[in-house]
Amino acid sequence: MSLLLKDKVGVVTGSTRGIGFAIAKEFAENGGATAIVCSRIRQQAIKAAEQIKGKVFAAEIDVADNFSVREFMQQILSKFERIYILVNNAGILMIAIFGVKNSMRSQTKSYTRY
């Protein structure tokens, strides 16, 4: 167990699979940190958190939505004193933010993976 991470709280966005999941798992299982597993879909976060041994907490957040980010921060800071680590692993599709027309979305849809 790493003493640098012991008893720290680490938020890992986009952590229900892939690299984000591996980072959250490492924090909780080998680092001694509390890993906050995040997803836009709470049930996915819960499912991923159940696969991790150690201190872990599942949370819902859509990093592209300011209201969702505010709710997330209120929830986490009411439960934990502070966030020590942030791994910003969630990907967002820029055309969703800038509101590009549907015709362009259909062209890029085949490249978009969630």
PDB file of N, CA and C in Angstrom:
ATOM      1  N   MET A   1       0.846  -1.186   0.000  1.00  0.00           N
ATOM      2  CA  MET A   1       0.000   0.000   0.000  1.00  0.00           C
ATOM      3  C   MET A   1       0.886   1.242   0.000  1.00  0.00           C
ATOM      4  N   SER A   2       0.547   2.174  -0.851  1.00  0.00           N
ATOM      5  CA  SER A   2       1.297   3.420  -0.944  1.00  0.00           C
ATOM      6  C   SER A   2       0.881   4.373   0.172  1.00  0.00           C
ATOM      7  N   LEU A   3       1.863   4.853   0.904  1.00  0.00           N
ATOM      8  CA  LEU A   3       1.554   5.812   1.973  1.00  0.00           C
ATOM      9  C   LEU A   3       1.137   7.167   1.400  1.00  0.00           C
ATOM     10  N   LEU A   4       1.536   7.443   0.162  1.00  0.00           N
ATOM     11  CA  LEU A   4       1.148   8.709  -0.465  1.00  0.00           C
ATOM     12  C   LEU A   4      -0.356   8.797  -0.704  1.00  0.00           C
ATOM     13  N   LEU A   5      -0.999   7.659  -0.954  1.00  0.00           N
ATOM     14  CA  LEU A   5      -2.433   7.646  -1.242  1.00  0.00           C
ATOM     15  C   LEU A   5      -3.289   7.262  -0.044  1.00  0.00           C
ATOM     16  N   LYS A   6      -2.686   6.726   0.984  1.00  0.00           N
ATOM     17  CA  LYS A   6      -3.436   6.221   2.142  1.00  0.00           C
ATOM     18  C   LYS A   6      -4.374   7.290   2.690  1.00  0.00           C
ATOM     19  N   ASP A   7      -5.642   6.918   2.802  1.00  0.00           N
ATOM     20  CA  ASP A   7      -6.701   7.772   3.355  1.00  0.00           C
ATOM     21  C   ASP A   7      -7.010   9.020   2.527  1.00  0.00           C
ATOM     22  N   LYS A   8      -6.544   9.060   1.295  1.00  0.00           N
ATOM     23  CA  LYS A   8      -6.891  10.171   0.403  1.00  0.00           C
ATOM     24  C   LYS A   8      -8.159   9.801  -0.359  1.00  0.00           C
ATOM     25  N   VAL A   9      -8.846  10.797  -0.904  1.00  0.00           N
ATOM     26  CA  VAL A   9     -10.033  10.584  -1.717  1.00  0.00           C
ATOM     27  C   VAL A   9      -9.677  10.953  -3.149  1.00  0.00           C
ATOM     28  N   GLY A  10      -9.888   9.995  -4.054  1.00  0.00           N
ATOM     29  CA  GLY A  10      -9.581  10.215  -5.461  1.00  0.00           C
ATOM     30  C   GLY A  10     -10.809  10.059  -6.325  1.00  0.00           C
ATOM     31  N   VAL A  11     -11.116  11.076  -7.113  1.00  0.00           N
ATOM     32  CA  VAL A  11     -12.231  11.040  -8.052  1.00  0.00           C
ATOM     33  C   VAL A  11     -11.669  10.647  -9.410  1.00  0.00           C
ATOM     34  N   VAL A  12     -12.267   9.618 -10.010  1.00  0.00           N
ATOM     35  CA  VAL A  12     -11.861   9.194 -11.347  1.00  0.00           C
ATOM     36  C   VAL A  12     -13.102   9.240 -12.231  1.00  0.00           C
ATOM     37  N   THR A  13     -13.174  10.247 -13.096  1.00  0.00           N
ATOM     38  CA  THR A  13     -14.316  10.335 -14.000  1.00  0.00           C
ATOM     39  C   THR A  13     -14.143   9.302 -15.107  1.00  0.00           C
ATOM     40  N   GLY A  14     -15.252   8.834 -15.646  1.00  0.00           N
ATOM     41  CA  GLY A  14     -15.195   7.825 -16.700  1.00  0.00           C
ATOM     42  C   GLY A  14     -14.513   6.551 -16.232  1.00  0.00           C
ATOM     43  N   SER A  15     -14.883   6.091 -15.045  1.00  0.00           N
ATOM     44  CA  SER A  15     -14.141   4.983 -14.428  1.00  0.00           C
ATOM     45  C   SER A  15     -14.921   3.685 -14.328  1.00  0.00           C
ATOM     46  N   THR A  16     -15.881   3.487 -15.213  1.00  0.00           N
ATOM     47  CA  THR A  16     -16.636   2.233 -15.169  1.00  0.00           C
ATOM     48  C   THR A  16     -16.000   1.145 -16.025  1.00  0.00           C
ATOM     49  N   ARG A  17     -15.007   1.525 -16.823  1.00  0.00           N
ATOM     50  CA  ARG A  17     -14.301   0.536 -17.652  1.00  0.00           C
ATOM     51  C   ARG A  17     -12.964   1.118 -18.116  1.00  0.00           C
ATOM     52  N   GLY A  18     -12.166   0.282 -18.727  1.00  0.00           N
ATOM     53  CA  GLY A  18     -10.923   0.725 -19.343  1.00  0.00           C
ATOM     54  C   GLY A  18      -9.914   1.310 -18.369  1.00  0.00           C
ATOM     55  N   ILE A  19      -9.202   2.314 -18.835  1.00  0.00           N
ATOM     56  CA  ILE A  19      -8.137   2.934 -18.049  1.00  0.00           C
ATOM     57  C   ILE A  19      -8.682   3.556 -16.769  1.00  0.00           C
ATOM     58  N   GLY A  20      -9.820   4.221 -16.849  1.00  0.00           N
ATOM     59  CA  GLY A  20     -10.412   4.843 -15.665  1.00  0.00           C
ATOM     60  C   GLY A  20     -10.724   3.824 -14.586  1.00  0.00           C
ATOM     61  N   PHE A  21     -11.283   2.680 -14.995  1.00  0.00           N
ATOM     62  CA  PHE A  21     -11.581   1.611 -14.044  1.00  0.00           C
ATOM     63  C   PHE A  21     -10.293   1.095 -13.412  1.00  0.00           C
ATOM     64  N   ALA A  22      -9.269   0.883 -14.217  1.00  0.00           N
ATOM     65  CA  ALA A  22      -7.988   0.379 -13.706  1.00  0.00           C
ATOM     66  C   ALA A  22      -7.369   1.352 -12.698  1.00  0.00           C
ATOM     67  N   ILE A  23      -7.478   2.646 -12.967  1.00  0.00           N
ATOM     68  CA  ILE A  23      -6.935   3.651 -12.046  1.00  0.00           C
ATOM     69  C   ILE A  23      -7.703   3.636 -10.729  1.00  0.00           C
ATOM     70  N   ALA A  24      -9.029   3.627 -10.802  1.00  0.00           N
ATOM     71  CA  ALA A  24      -9.847   3.594  -9.581  1.00  0.00           C
ATOM     72  C   ALA A  24      -9.545   2.333  -8.772  1.00  0.00           C
ATOM     73  N   LYS A  25      -9.423   1.224  -9.449  1.00  0.00           N
ATOM     74  CA  LYS A  25      -9.128  -0.052  -8.785  1.00  0.00           C
ATOM     75  C   LYS A  25      -7.765   0.003  -8.104  1.00  0.00           C
ATOM     76  N   GLU A  26      -6.794   0.544  -8.769  1.00  0.00           N
ATOM     77  CA  GLU A  26      -5.449   0.659  -8.194  1.00  0.00           C
ATOM     78  C   GLU A  26      -5.463   1.560  -6.958  1.00  0.00           C
ATOM     79  N   PHE A  27      -6.140   2.689  -7.045  1.00  0.00           N
ATOM     80  CA  PHE A  27      -6.250   3.591  -5.895  1.00  0.00           C
ATOM     81  C   PHE A  27      -6.813   2.855  -4.679  1.00  0.00           C
ATOM     82  N   ALA A  28      -7.938   2.153  -4.884  1.00  0.00           N
ATOM     83  CA  ALA A  28      -8.644   1.525  -3.763  1.00  0.00           C
ATOM     84  C   ALA A  28      -7.962   0.264  -3.260  1.00  0.00           C
ATOM     85  N   GLU A  29      -7.503  -0.576  -4.181  1.00  0.00           N
ATOM     86  CA  GLU A  29      -6.991  -1.883  -3.776  1.00  0.00           C
ATOM     87  C   GLU A  29      -5.526  -1.868  -3.364  1.00  0.00           C
ATOM     88  N   ASN A  30      -4.731  -1.025  -3.981  1.00  0.00           N
ATOM     89  CA  ASN A  30      -3.295  -1.042  -3.696  1.00  0.00           C
ATOM     90  C   ASN A  30      -2.764   0.265  -3.137  1.00  0.00           C
ATOM     91  N   GLY A  31      -3.552   1.315  -3.263  1.00  0.00           N
ATOM     92  CA  GLY A  31      -3.072   2.612  -2.810  1.00  0.00           C
ATOM     93  C   GLY A  31      -3.610   3.039  -1.461  1.00  0.00           C
ATOM     94  N   GLY A  32      -4.652   2.396  -0.990  1.00  0.00           N
ATOM     95  CA  GLY A  32      -5.238   2.770   0.292  1.00  0.00           C
ATOM     96  C   GLY A  32      -6.133   3.986   0.232  1.00  0.00           C
ATOM     97  N   ALA A  33      -6.417   4.470  -0.968  1.00  0.00           N
ATOM     98  CA  ALA A  33      -7.286   5.642  -1.133  1.00  0.00           C
ATOM     99  C   ALA A  33      -8.741   5.213  -1.240  1.00  0.00           C
ATOM    100  N   THR A  34      -9.629   6.162  -1.042  1.00  0.00           N
ATOM    101  CA  THR A  34     -11.037   5.953  -1.370  1.00  0.00           C
ATOM    102  C   THR A  34     -11.215   6.383  -2.811  1.00  0.00           C
ATOM    103  N   ALA A  35     -11.655   5.468  -3.648  1.00  0.00           N
ATOM    104  CA  ALA A  35     -11.856   5.765  -5.063  1.00  0.00           C
ATOM    105  C   ALA A  35     -13.314   6.114  -5.306  1.00  0.00           C
ATOM    106  N   ILE A  36     -13.547   7.254  -5.925  1.00  0.00           N
ATOM    107  CA  ILE A  36     -14.887   7.650  -6.327  1.00  0.00           C
ATOM    108  C   ILE A  36     -15.042   7.250  -7.795  1.00  0.00           C
ATOM    109  N   VAL A  37     -15.842   6.213  -8.034  1.00  0.00           N
ATOM    110  CA  VAL A  37     -16.084   5.702  -9.381  1.00  0.00           C
ATOM    111  C   VAL A  37     -17.244   6.501  -9.969  1.00  0.00           C
ATOM    112  N   CYS A  38     -17.011   7.111 -11.120  1.00  0.00           N
ATOM    113  CA  CYS A  38     -17.998   8.027 -11.700  1.00  0.00           C
ATOM    114  C   CYS A  38     -18.475   7.575 -13.072  1.00  0.00           C
ATOM    115  N   SER A  39     -19.761   7.849 -13.315  1.00  0.00           N
ATOM    116  CA  SER A  39     -20.367   7.591 -14.613  1.00  0.00           C
ATOM    117  C   SER A  39     -21.575   8.502 -14.778  1.00  0.00           C
ATOM    118  N   ARG A  40     -21.964   8.735 -16.030  1.00  0.00           N
ATOM    119  CA  ARG A  40     -23.202   9.491 -16.280  1.00  0.00           C
ATOM    120  C   ARG A  40     -24.408   8.685 -15.826  1.00  0.00           C
ATOM    121  N   ILE A  41     -24.251   7.365 -15.782  1.00  0.00           N
ATOM    122  CA  ILE A  41     -25.339   6.474 -15.383  1.00  0.00           C
ATOM    123  C   ILE A  41     -24.969   5.844 -14.040  1.00  0.00           C
ATOM    124  N   ARG A  42     -25.695   6.239 -13.002  1.00  0.00           N
ATOM    125  CA  ARG A  42     -25.366   5.803 -11.632  1.00  0.00           C
ATOM    126  C   ARG A  42     -25.261   4.287 -11.504  1.00  0.00           C
ATOM    127  N   GLN A  43     -26.149   3.563 -12.157  1.00  0.00           N
ATOM    128  CA  GLN A  43     -26.148   2.100 -12.053  1.00  0.00           C
ATOM    129  C   GLN A  43     -24.842   1.509 -12.585  1.00  0.00           C
ATOM    130  N   GLN A  44     -24.282   2.114 -13.623  1.00  0.00           N
ATOM    131  CA  GLN A  44     -22.993   1.644 -14.150  1.00  0.00           C
ATOM    132  C   GLN A  44     -21.877   1.900 -13.154  1.00  0.00           C
ATOM    133  N   ALA A  45     -21.936   3.042 -12.466  1.00  0.00           N
ATOM    134  CA  ALA A  45     -20.938   3.349 -11.451  1.00  0.00           C
ATOM    135  C   ALA A  45     -21.016   2.354 -10.297  1.00  0.00           C
ATOM    136  N   ILE A  46     -22.233   2.023  -9.892  1.00  0.00           N
ATOM    137  CA  ILE A  46     -22.428   1.060  -8.803  1.00  0.00           C
ATOM    138  C   ILE A  46     -21.881  -0.305  -9.209  1.00  0.00           C
ATOM    139  N   LYS A  47     -22.197  -0.731 -10.419  1.00  0.00           N
ATOM    140  CA  LYS A  47     -21.735  -2.038 -10.909  1.00  0.00           C
ATOM    141  C   LYS A  47     -20.204  -2.104 -10.938  1.00  0.00           C
ATOM    142  N   ALA A  48     -19.569  -1.042 -11.408  1.00  0.00           N
ATOM    143  CA  ALA A  48     -18.104  -1.006 -11.450  1.00  0.00           C
ATOM    144  C   ALA A  48     -17.525  -0.997 -10.036  1.00  0.00           C
ATOM    145  N   ALA A  49     -18.126  -0.212  -9.142  1.00  0.00           N
ATOM    146  CA  ALA A  49     -17.633  -0.119  -7.760  1.00  0.00           C
ATOM    147  C   ALA A  49     -17.712  -1.464  -7.050  1.00  0.00           C
ATOM    148  N   GLU A  50     -18.730  -2.250  -7.367  1.00  0.00           N
ATOM    149  CA  GLU A  50     -18.883  -3.565  -6.744  1.00  0.00           C
ATOM    150  C   GLU A  50     -17.767  -4.528  -7.140  1.00  0.00           C
ATOM    151  N   GLN A  51     -17.065  -4.238  -8.216  1.00  0.00           N
ATOM    152  CA  GLN A  51     -15.972  -5.079  -8.686  1.00  0.00           C
ATOM    153  C   GLN A  51     -14.630  -4.695  -8.078  1.00  0.00           C
ATOM    154  N   ILE A  52     -14.622  -3.657  -7.270  1.00  0.00           N
ATOM    155  CA  ILE A  52     -13.381  -3.159  -6.676  1.00  0.00           C
ATOM    156  C   ILE A  52     -13.382  -3.452  -5.187  1.00  0.00           C
ATOM    157  N   LYS A  53     -12.284  -4.023  -4.709  1.00  0.00           N
ATOM    158  CA  LYS A  53     -12.124  -4.265  -3.275  1.00  0.00           C
ATOM    159  C   LYS A  53     -11.500  -3.017  -2.660  1.00  0.00           C
ATOM    160  N   GLY A  54     -11.797  -2.767  -1.418  1.00  0.00           N
ATOM    161  CA  GLY A  54     -11.248  -1.590  -0.762  1.00  0.00           C
ATOM    162  C   GLY A  54     -12.304  -0.514  -0.613  1.00  0.00           C
ATOM    163  N   LYS A  55     -11.853   0.680  -0.309  1.00  0.00           N
ATOM    164  CA  LYS A  55     -12.773   1.796  -0.102  1.00  0.00           C
ATOM    165  C   LYS A  55     -13.140   2.401  -1.453  1.00  0.00           C
ATOM    166  N   VAL A  56     -14.427   2.312  -1.759  1.00  0.00           N
ATOM    167  CA  VAL A  56     -14.895   2.802  -3.052  1.00  0.00           C
ATOM    168  C   VAL A  56     -16.300   3.372  -2.896  1.00  0.00           C
ATOM    169  N   PHE A  57     -16.613   4.379  -3.693  1.00  0.00           N
ATOM    170  CA  PHE A  57     -17.907   5.038  -3.641  1.00  0.00           C
ATOM    171  C   PHE A  57     -18.348   5.295  -5.081  1.00  0.00           C
ATOM    172  N   ALA A  58     -19.579   4.956  -5.406  1.00  0.00           N
ATOM    173  CA  ALA A  58     -20.112   5.167  -6.757  1.00  0.00           C
ATOM    174  C   ALA A  58     -20.867   6.484  -6.819  1.00  0.00           C
ATOM    175  N   ALA A  59     -20.652   7.230  -7.890  1.00  0.00           N
ATOM    176  CA  ALA A  59     -21.320   8.519  -8.030  1.00  0.00           C
ATOM    177  C   ALA A  59     -21.689   8.776  -9.487  1.00  0.00           C
ATOM    178  N   GLU A  60     -22.755   9.529  -9.654  1.00  0.00           N
ATOM    179  CA  GLU A  60     -23.221   9.916 -10.987  1.00  0.00           C
ATOM    180  C   GLU A  60     -22.755  11.330 -11.288  1.00  0.00           C
ATOM    181  N   ILE A  61     -22.177  11.513 -12.474  1.00  0.00           N
ATOM    182  CA  ILE A  61     -21.789  12.849 -12.919  1.00  0.00           C
ATOM    183  C   ILE A  61     -21.714  12.876 -14.434  1.00  0.00           C
ATOM    184  N   ASP A  62     -22.229  13.947 -15.007  1.00  0.00           N
ATOM    185  CA  ASP A  62     -22.069  14.212 -16.431  1.00  0.00           C
ATOM    186  C   ASP A  62     -21.169  15.435 -16.506  1.00  0.00           C
ATOM    187  N   VAL A  63     -19.906  15.239 -16.871  1.00  0.00           N
ATOM    188  CA  VAL A  63     -18.936  16.335 -16.835  1.00  0.00           C
ATOM    189  C   VAL A  63     -19.239  17.434 -17.851  1.00  0.00           C
ATOM    190  N   ALA A  64     -20.142  17.183 -18.793  1.00  0.00           N
ATOM    191  CA  ALA A  64     -20.525  18.196 -19.775  1.00  0.00           C
ATOM    192  C   ALA A  64     -21.714  19.029 -19.308  1.00  0.00           C
ATOM    193  N   ASP A  65     -22.220  18.755 -18.103  1.00  0.00           N
ATOM    194  CA  ASP A  65     -23.405  19.433 -17.577  1.00  0.00           C
ATOM    195  C   ASP A  65     -23.051  20.125 -16.258  1.00  0.00           C
ATOM    196  N   ASN A  66     -23.057  21.452 -16.273  1.00  0.00           N
ATOM    197  CA  ASN A  66     -22.672  22.222 -15.080  1.00  0.00           C
ATOM    198  C   ASN A  66     -23.511  21.874 -13.856  1.00  0.00           C
ATOM    199  N   PHE A  67     -24.813  21.679 -14.042  1.00  0.00           N
ATOM    200  CA  PHE A  67     -25.690  21.334 -12.922  1.00  0.00           C
ATOM    201  C   PHE A  67     -25.278  19.991 -12.322  1.00  0.00           C
ATOM    202  N   SER A  68     -24.987  19.025 -13.172  1.00  0.00           N
ATOM    203  CA  SER A  68     -24.557  17.708 -12.712  1.00  0.00           C
ATOM    204  C   SER A  68     -23.242  17.802 -11.929  1.00  0.00           C
ATOM    205  N   VAL A  69     -22.329  18.617 -12.405  1.00  0.00           N
ATOM    206  CA  VAL A  69     -21.041  18.793 -11.718  1.00  0.00           C
ATOM    207  C   VAL A  69     -21.258  19.417 -10.343  1.00  0.00           C
ATOM    208  N   ARG A  70     -22.124  20.424 -10.253  1.00  0.00           N
ATOM    209  CA  ARG A  70     -22.411  21.055  -8.962  1.00  0.00           C
ATOM    210  C   ARG A  70     -23.038  20.059  -7.979  1.00  0.00           C
ATOM    211  N   GLU A  71     -24.011  19.286  -8.463  1.00  0.00           N
ATOM    212  CA  GLU A  71     -24.644  18.267  -7.606  1.00  0.00           C
ATOM    213  C   GLU A  71     -23.624  17.246  -7.120  1.00  0.00           C
ATOM    214  N   PHE A  72     -22.776  16.810  -8.023  1.00  0.00           N
ATOM    215  CA  PHE A  72     -21.732  15.845  -7.686  1.00  0.00           C
ATOM    216  C   PHE A  72     -20.814  16.401  -6.592  1.00  0.00           C
ATOM    217  N   MET A  73     -20.361  17.633  -6.772  1.00  0.00           N
ATOM    218  CA  MET A  73     -19.456  18.242  -5.788  1.00  0.00           C
ATOM    219  C   MET A  73     -20.128  18.371  -4.421  1.00  0.00           C
ATOM    220  N   GLN A  74     -21.384  18.765  -4.392  1.00  0.00           N
ATOM    221  CA  GLN A  74     -22.098  18.860  -3.123  1.00  0.00           C
ATOM    222  C   GLN A  74     -22.197  17.498  -2.451  1.00  0.00           C
ATOM    223  N   GLN A  75     -22.517  16.480  -3.233  1.00  0.00           N
ATOM    224  CA  GLN A  75     -22.637  15.130  -2.687  1.00  0.00           C
ATOM    225  C   GLN A  75     -21.299  14.630  -2.134  1.00  0.00           C
ATOM    226  N   ILE A  76     -20.250  14.785  -2.902  1.00  0.00           N
ATOM    227  CA  ILE A  76     -18.935  14.264  -2.484  1.00  0.00           C
ATOM    228  C   ILE A  76     -18.396  15.033  -1.294  1.00  0.00           C
ATOM    229  N   LEU A  77     -18.497  16.346  -1.325  1.00  0.00           N
ATOM    230  CA  LEU A  77     -17.945  17.139  -0.225  1.00  0.00           C
ATOM    231  C   LEU A  77     -18.771  17.020   1.051  1.00  0.00           C
ATOM    232  N   SER A  78     -20.030  16.621   0.938  1.00  0.00           N
ATOM    233  CA  SER A  78     -20.808  16.378   2.156  1.00  0.00           C
ATOM    234  C   SER A  78     -20.438  15.030   2.782  1.00  0.00           C
ATOM    235  N   LYS A  79     -19.953  14.113   1.972  1.00  0.00           N
ATOM    236  CA  LYS A  79     -19.582  12.786   2.464  1.00  0.00           C
ATOM    237  C   LYS A  79     -18.100  12.711   2.858  1.00  0.00           C
ATOM    238  N   PHE A  80     -17.253  13.380   2.107  1.00  0.00           N
ATOM    239  CA  PHE A  80     -15.810  13.357   2.350  1.00  0.00           C
ATOM    240  C   PHE A  80     -15.331  14.780   2.620  1.00  0.00           C
ATOM    241  N   GLU A  81     -14.312  14.898   3.407  1.00  0.00           N
ATOM    242  CA  GLU A  81     -13.817  16.224   3.786  1.00  0.00           C
ATOM    243  C   GLU A  81     -13.291  17.018   2.592  1.00  0.00           C
ATOM    244  N   ARG A  82     -12.556  16.332   1.715  1.00  0.00           N
ATOM    245  CA  ARG A  82     -12.006  16.995   0.542  1.00  0.00           C
ATOM    246  C   ARG A  82     -11.620  15.974  -0.511  1.00  0.00           C
ATOM    247  N   ILE A  83     -11.404  16.459  -1.709  1.00  0.00           N
ATOM    248  CA  ILE A  83     -10.907  15.626  -2.801  1.00  0.00           C
ATOM    249  C   ILE A  83      -9.417  15.918  -2.941  1.00  0.00           C
ATOM    250  N   TYR A  84      -8.614  14.875  -2.864  1.00  0.00           N
ATOM    251  CA  TYR A  84      -7.174  15.035  -2.974  1.00  0.00           C
ATOM    252  C   TYR A  84      -6.674  14.806  -4.396  1.00  0.00           C
ATOM    253  N   ILE A  85      -7.363  13.947  -5.125  1.00  0.00           N
ATOM    254  CA  ILE A  85      -6.899  13.529  -6.450  1.00  0.00           C
ATOM    255  C   ILE A  85      -8.061  13.622  -7.428  1.00  0.00           C
ATOM    256  N   LEU A  86      -7.804  14.148  -8.608  1.00  0.00           N
ATOM    257  CA  LEU A  86      -8.795  14.157  -9.677  1.00  0.00           C
ATOM    258  C   LEU A  86      -8.151  13.598 -10.929  1.00  0.00           C
ATOM    259  N   VAL A  87      -8.716  12.514 -11.438  1.00  0.00           N
ATOM    260  CA  VAL A  87      -8.300  11.958 -12.726  1.00  0.00           C
ATOM    261  C   VAL A  87      -9.456  12.212 -13.675  1.00  0.00           C
ATOM    262  N   ASN A  88      -9.243  13.115 -14.602  1.00  0.00           N
ATOM    263  CA  ASN A  88     -10.289  13.522 -15.523  1.00  0.00           C
ATOM    264  C   ASN A  88     -10.227  12.624 -16.756  1.00  0.00           C
ATOM    265  N   ASN A  89     -10.855  11.459 -16.658  1.00  0.00           N
ATOM    266  CA  ASN A  89     -10.794  10.444 -17.703  1.00  0.00           C
ATOM    267  C   ASN A  89     -12.043  10.407 -18.577  1.00  0.00           C
ATOM    268  N   ALA A  90     -13.079  11.120 -18.210  1.00  0.00           N
ATOM    269  CA  ALA A  90     -14.327  11.091 -18.991  1.00  0.00           C
ATOM    270  C   ALA A  90     -14.132  11.832 -20.305  1.00  0.00           C
ATOM    271  N   GLY A  91     -14.602  11.217 -21.359  1.00  0.00           N
ATOM    272  CA  GLY A  91     -14.554  11.873 -22.655  1.00  0.00           C
ATOM    273  C   GLY A  91     -15.898  12.505 -22.957  1.00  0.00           C
ATOM    274  N   ILE A  92     -15.856  13.647 -23.609  1.00  0.00           N
ATOM    275  CA  ILE A  92     -17.100  14.277 -24.036  1.00  0.00           C
ATOM    276  C   ILE A  92     -16.991  14.564 -25.525  1.00  0.00           C
ATOM    277  N   LEU A  93     -18.096  14.468 -26.195  1.00  0.00           N
ATOM    278  CA  LEU A  93     -18.149  14.696 -27.626  1.00  0.00           C
ATOM    279  C   LEU A  93     -18.374  16.178 -27.870  1.00  0.00           C
ATOM    280  N   MET A  94     -17.429  16.826 -28.493  1.00  0.00           N
ATOM    281  CA  MET A  94     -17.480  18.277 -28.661  1.00  0.00           C
ATOM    282  C   MET A  94     -18.689  18.738 -29.477  1.00  0.00           C
ATOM    283  N   ILE A  95     -19.147  17.967 -30.441  1.00  0.00           N
ATOM    284  CA  ILE A  95     -20.294  18.436 -31.224  1.00  0.00           C
ATOM    285  C   ILE A  95     -21.546  18.502 -30.371  1.00  0.00           C
ATOM    286  N   ALA A  96     -21.590  17.722 -29.311  1.00  0.00           N
ATOM    287  CA  ALA A  96     -22.742  17.804 -28.407  1.00  0.00           C
ATOM    288  C   ALA A  96     -22.726  19.129 -27.663  1.00  0.00           C
ATOM    289  N   ILE A  97     -21.557  19.606 -27.343  1.00  0.00           N
ATOM    290  CA  ILE A  97     -21.433  20.871 -26.611  1.00  0.00           C
ATOM    291  C   ILE A  97     -21.748  22.059 -27.504  1.00  0.00           C
ATOM    292  N   PHE A  98     -21.238  22.042 -28.724  1.00  0.00           N
ATOM    293  CA  PHE A  98     -21.397  23.180 -29.611  1.00  0.00           C
ATOM    294  C   PHE A  98     -22.665  23.133 -30.443  1.00  0.00           C
ATOM    295  N   GLY A  99     -23.442  22.036 -30.342  1.00  0.00           N
ATOM    296  CA  GLY A  99     -24.729  21.964 -31.015  1.00  0.00           C
ATOM    297  C   GLY A  99     -24.643  21.894 -32.530  1.00  0.00           C
ATOM    298  N   VAL A 100     -23.726  21.126 -33.053  1.00  0.00           N
ATOM    299  CA  VAL A 100     -23.598  20.977 -34.501  1.00  0.00           C
ATOM    300  C   VAL A 100     -24.829  20.248 -35.030  1.00  0.00           C
ATOM    301  N   LYS A 101     -25.233  20.557 -36.234  1.00  0.00           N
ATOM    302  CA  LYS A 101     -26.453  20.011 -36.835  1.00  0.00           C
ATOM    303  C   LYS A 101     -26.435  18.485 -36.858  1.00  0.00           C
ATOM    304  N   ASN A 102     -27.632  17.906 -36.855  1.00  0.00           N
ATOM    305  CA  ASN A 102     -27.796  16.453 -36.848  1.00  0.00           C
ATOM    306  C   ASN A 102     -27.098  15.759 -38.008  1.00  0.00           C
ATOM    307  N   SER A 103     -27.062  16.384 -39.180  1.00  0.00           N
ATOM    308  CA  SER A 103     -26.423  15.737 -40.327  1.00  0.00           C
ATOM    309  C   SER A 103     -24.951  15.470 -40.044  1.00  0.00           C
ATOM    310  N   MET A 104     -24.296  16.380 -39.374  1.00  0.00           N
ATOM    311  CA  MET A 104     -22.892  16.182 -39.037  1.00  0.00           C
ATOM    312  C   MET A 104     -22.756  15.121 -37.951  1.00  0.00           C
ATOM    313  N   ARG A 105     -23.690  15.073 -37.026  1.00  0.00           N
ATOM    314  CA  ARG A 105     -23.646  14.056 -35.983  1.00  0.00           C
ATOM    315  C   ARG A 105     -23.707  12.657 -36.583  1.00  0.00           C
ATOM    316  N   SER A 106     -24.571  12.473 -37.578  1.00  0.00           N
ATOM    317  CA  SER A 106     -24.695  11.143 -38.167  1.00  0.00           C
ATOM    318  C   SER A 106     -23.409  10.736 -38.864  1.00  0.00           C
ATOM    319  N   GLN A 107     -22.672  11.696 -39.413  1.00  0.00           N
ATOM    320  CA  GLN A 107     -21.401  11.385 -40.055  1.00  0.00           C
ATOM    321  C   GLN A 107     -20.348  10.973 -39.033  1.00  0.00           C
ATOM    322  N   THR A 108     -20.376  11.568 -37.849  1.00  0.00           N
ATOM    323  CA  THR A 108     -19.358  11.271 -36.842  1.00  0.00           C
ATOM    324  C   THR A 108     -19.791  10.173 -35.884  1.00  0.00           C
ATOM    325  N   LYS A 109     -21.055   9.771 -35.935  1.00  0.00           N
ATOM    326  CA  LYS A 109     -21.573   8.789 -34.982  1.00  0.00           C
ATOM    327  C   LYS A 109     -20.782   7.489 -35.010  1.00  0.00           C
ATOM    328  N   SER A 110     -20.359   7.048 -36.179  1.00  0.00           N
ATOM    329  CA  SER A 110     -19.644   5.780 -36.276  1.00  0.00           C
ATOM    330  C   SER A 110     -18.289   5.849 -35.566  1.00  0.00           C
ATOM    331  N   TYR A 111     -17.753   7.040 -35.349  1.00  0.00           N
ATOM    332  CA  TYR A 111     -16.474   7.179 -34.664  1.00  0.00           C
ATOM    333  C   TYR A 111     -16.627   7.369 -33.153  1.00  0.00           C
ATOM    334  N   THR A 112     -17.839   7.608 -32.711  1.00  0.00           N
ATOM    335  CA  THR A 112     -18.089   7.905 -31.309  1.00  0.00           C
ATOM    336  C   THR A 112     -18.380   6.627 -30.543  1.00  0.00           C
ATOM    337  N   ARG A 113     -17.620   6.396 -29.473  1.00  0.00           N
ATOM    338  CA  ARG A 113     -17.861   5.235 -28.616  1.00  0.00           C
ATOM    339  C   ARG A 113     -18.019   5.720 -27.194  1.00  0.00           C
ATOM    340  N   TYR A 114     -18.992   5.209 -26.509  1.00  0.00           N
ATOM    341  CA  TYR A 114     -19.228   5.604 -25.117  1.00  0.00           C
ATOM    342  C   TYR A 114     -18.814   4.504 -24.200  1.00  0.00           C
TER     343      TYR A 114
END
